[in-house]
Amino acid sequence: MPTKTEKNPPTLETAMQRVSEIVSSMESGDMPLEKLIESYEEGTALVKMCQEKLDAAEKRIQIIARNARGEVSLEDFDAEAN
């Protein structure tokens, strides 16, 4: 049986859903302090993972562009320029 460290990381969507669940639980006010801290740690790790996945996806995006002669080319997406 695989250990927790050997499991595949969750998808972006699954991680975002879990973060939402954690936030809702924490906002309820019914969570003991130790569980609150554990949930916070889990949530921050998931947020970091989501940001890394989004950064990687952004680097892979290309934009289809036309030059003055109407020729089509692919350009890398530049978030700062948009």
C-alpha atoms as a PDB file:
ATOM      1  CA  MET A   1       0.000   0.000   0.000  1.00  0.00           C
ATOM      2  CA  PRO A   2       1.480   3.412  -0.947  1.00  0.00           C
ATOM      3  CA  THR A   3       2.354   5.837   1.813  1.00  0.00           C
ATOM      4  CA  LYS A   4       1.144   9.418   1.858  1.00  0.00           C
ATOM      5  CA  THR A   5       4.400  10.681   0.337  1.00  0.00           C
ATOM      6  CA  GLU A   6       4.173   8.197  -2.554  1.00  0.00           C
ATOM      7  CA  LYS A   7       0.667   9.255  -3.641  1.00  0.00           C
ATOM      8  CA  ASN A   8       0.232  11.265  -6.800  1.00  0.00           C
ATOM      9  CA  PRO A   9      -0.347  14.956  -6.081  1.00  0.00           C
ATOM     10  CA  PRO A  10      -3.952  16.110  -6.474  1.00  0.00           C
ATOM     11  CA  THR A  11      -5.081  17.868  -9.611  1.00  0.00           C
ATOM     12  CA  LEU A  12      -5.387  21.635  -9.533  1.00  0.00           C
ATOM     13  CA  GLU A  13      -9.173  21.399  -9.370  1.00  0.00           C
ATOM     14  CA  THR A  14      -9.119  18.837  -6.548  1.00  0.00           C
ATOM     15  CA  ALA A  15      -6.633  20.907  -4.565  1.00  0.00           C
ATOM     16  CA  MET A  16      -8.695  24.079  -5.012  1.00  0.00           C
ATOM     17  CA  GLN A  17     -11.831  22.249  -3.873  1.00  0.00           C
ATOM     18  CA  ARG A  18     -10.005  20.958  -0.792  1.00  0.00           C
ATOM     19  CA  VAL A  19      -8.766  24.474   0.038  1.00  0.00           C
ATOM     20  CA  SER A  20     -12.358  25.692  -0.183  1.00  0.00           C
ATOM     21  CA  GLU A  21     -13.478  22.905   2.184  1.00  0.00           C
ATOM     22  CA  ILE A  22     -10.693  23.772   4.627  1.00  0.00           C
ATOM     23  CA  VAL A  23     -11.631  27.468   4.613  1.00  0.00           C
ATOM     24  CA  SER A  24     -15.296  26.646   5.253  1.00  0.00           C
ATOM     25  CA  SER A  25     -14.374  24.364   8.152  1.00  0.00           C
ATOM     26  CA  MET A  26     -12.061  26.946   9.657  1.00  0.00           C
ATOM     27  CA  GLU A  27     -14.656  29.707   9.334  1.00  0.00           C
ATOM     28  CA  SER A  28     -17.275  27.630  11.153  1.00  0.00           C
ATOM     29  CA  GLY A  29     -15.527  28.297  14.454  1.00  0.00           C
ATOM     30  CA  ASP A  30     -16.168  24.754  15.721  1.00  0.00           C
ATOM     31  CA  MET A  31     -12.652  23.444  15.128  1.00  0.00           C
ATOM     32  CA  PRO A  32     -10.287  22.719  18.044  1.00  0.00           C
ATOM     33  CA  LEU A  33      -7.010  24.643  17.968  1.00  0.00           C
ATOM     34  CA  GLU A  34      -4.817  21.652  17.055  1.00  0.00           C
ATOM     35  CA  LYS A  35      -7.094  20.692  14.137  1.00  0.00           C
ATOM     36  CA  LEU A  36      -7.194  24.353  13.080  1.00  0.00           C
ATOM     37  CA  ILE A  37      -3.394  24.453  12.890  1.00  0.00           C
ATOM     38  CA  GLU A  38      -3.251  21.162  10.959  1.00  0.00           C
ATOM     39  CA  SER A  39      -5.868  22.433   8.514  1.00  0.00           C
ATOM     40  CA  TYR A  40      -3.989  25.697   8.065  1.00  0.00           C
ATOM     41  CA  GLU A  41      -0.780  23.813   7.266  1.00  0.00           C
ATOM     42  CA  GLU A  42      -2.599  21.567   4.784  1.00  0.00           C
ATOM     43  CA  GLY A  43      -4.258  24.572   3.157  1.00  0.00           C
ATOM     44  CA  THR A  44      -1.050  26.546   2.753  1.00  0.00           C
ATOM     45  CA  ALA A  45       0.690  23.522   1.214  1.00  0.00           C
ATOM     46  CA  LEU A  46      -2.197  23.096  -1.244  1.00  0.00           C
ATOM     47  CA  VAL A  47      -2.185  26.794  -2.158  1.00  0.00           C
ATOM     48  CA  LYS A  48       1.570  26.603  -2.830  1.00  0.00           C
ATOM     49  CA  MET A  49       1.062  23.540  -5.036  1.00  0.00           C
ATOM     50  CA  CYS A  50      -1.761  25.278  -6.935  1.00  0.00           C
ATOM     51  CA  GLN A  51       0.418  28.344  -7.545  1.00  0.00           C
ATOM     52  CA  GLU A  52       3.247  26.159  -8.851  1.00  0.00           C
ATOM     53  CA  LYS A  53       0.852  24.361 -11.218  1.00  0.00           C
ATOM     54  CA  LEU A  54      -0.561  27.672 -12.474  1.00  0.00           C
ATOM     55  CA  ASP A  55       2.933  29.103 -12.984  1.00  0.00           C
ATOM     56  CA  ALA A  56       3.925  26.025 -14.983  1.00  0.00           C
ATOM     57  CA  ALA A  57       0.766  26.229 -17.099  1.00  0.00           C
ATOM     58  CA  GLU A  58       1.356  29.910 -17.824  1.00  0.00           C
ATOM     59  CA  LYS A  59       4.821  29.111 -19.157  1.00  0.00           C
ATOM     60  CA  ARG A  60       3.331  26.571 -21.552  1.00  0.00           C
ATOM     61  CA  ILE A  61       0.732  28.898 -23.059  1.00  0.00           C
ATOM     62  CA  GLN A  62       1.477  30.245 -26.487  1.00  0.00           C
ATOM     63  CA  ILE A  63      -0.357  32.943 -28.391  1.00  0.00           C
ATOM     64  CA  ILE A  64      -1.170  32.734 -32.075  1.00  0.00           C
ATOM     65  CA  ALA A  65      -0.121  36.003 -33.687  1.00  0.00           C
ATOM     66  CA  ARG A  66      -0.204  37.453 -37.196  1.00  0.00           C
ATOM     67  CA  ASN A  67       2.548  39.669 -38.500  1.00  0.00           C
ATOM     68  CA  ALA A  68       2.077  42.572 -40.932  1.00  0.00           C
ATOM     69  CA  ARG A  69       2.165  40.199 -43.945  1.00  0.00           C
ATOM     70  CA  GLY A  70      -0.583  38.027 -42.463  1.00  0.00           C
ATOM     71  CA  GLU A  71       1.726  35.141 -41.614  1.00  0.00           C
ATOM     72  CA  VAL A  72       0.781  33.177 -38.514  1.00  0.00           C
ATOM     73  CA  SER A  73       3.347  32.505 -35.792  1.00  0.00           C
ATOM     74  CA  LEU A  74       3.374  31.258 -32.214  1.00  0.00           C
ATOM     75  CA  GLU A  75       4.652  33.522 -29.460  1.00  0.00           C
ATOM     76  CA  ASP A  76       5.193  32.786 -25.790  1.00  0.00           C
ATOM     77  CA  PHE A  77       2.600  34.241 -23.457  1.00  0.00           C
ATOM     78  CA  ASP A  78       3.952  37.141 -21.409  1.00  0.00           C
ATOM     79  CA  ALA A  79       1.713  37.854 -18.414  1.00  0.00           C
ATOM     80  CA  GLU A  80       3.477  41.132 -17.630  1.00  0.00           C
ATOM     81  CA  ALA A  81       2.793  42.477 -21.131  1.00  0.00           C
ATOM     82  CA  ASN A  82      -0.965  41.779 -20.897  1.00  0.00           C
END
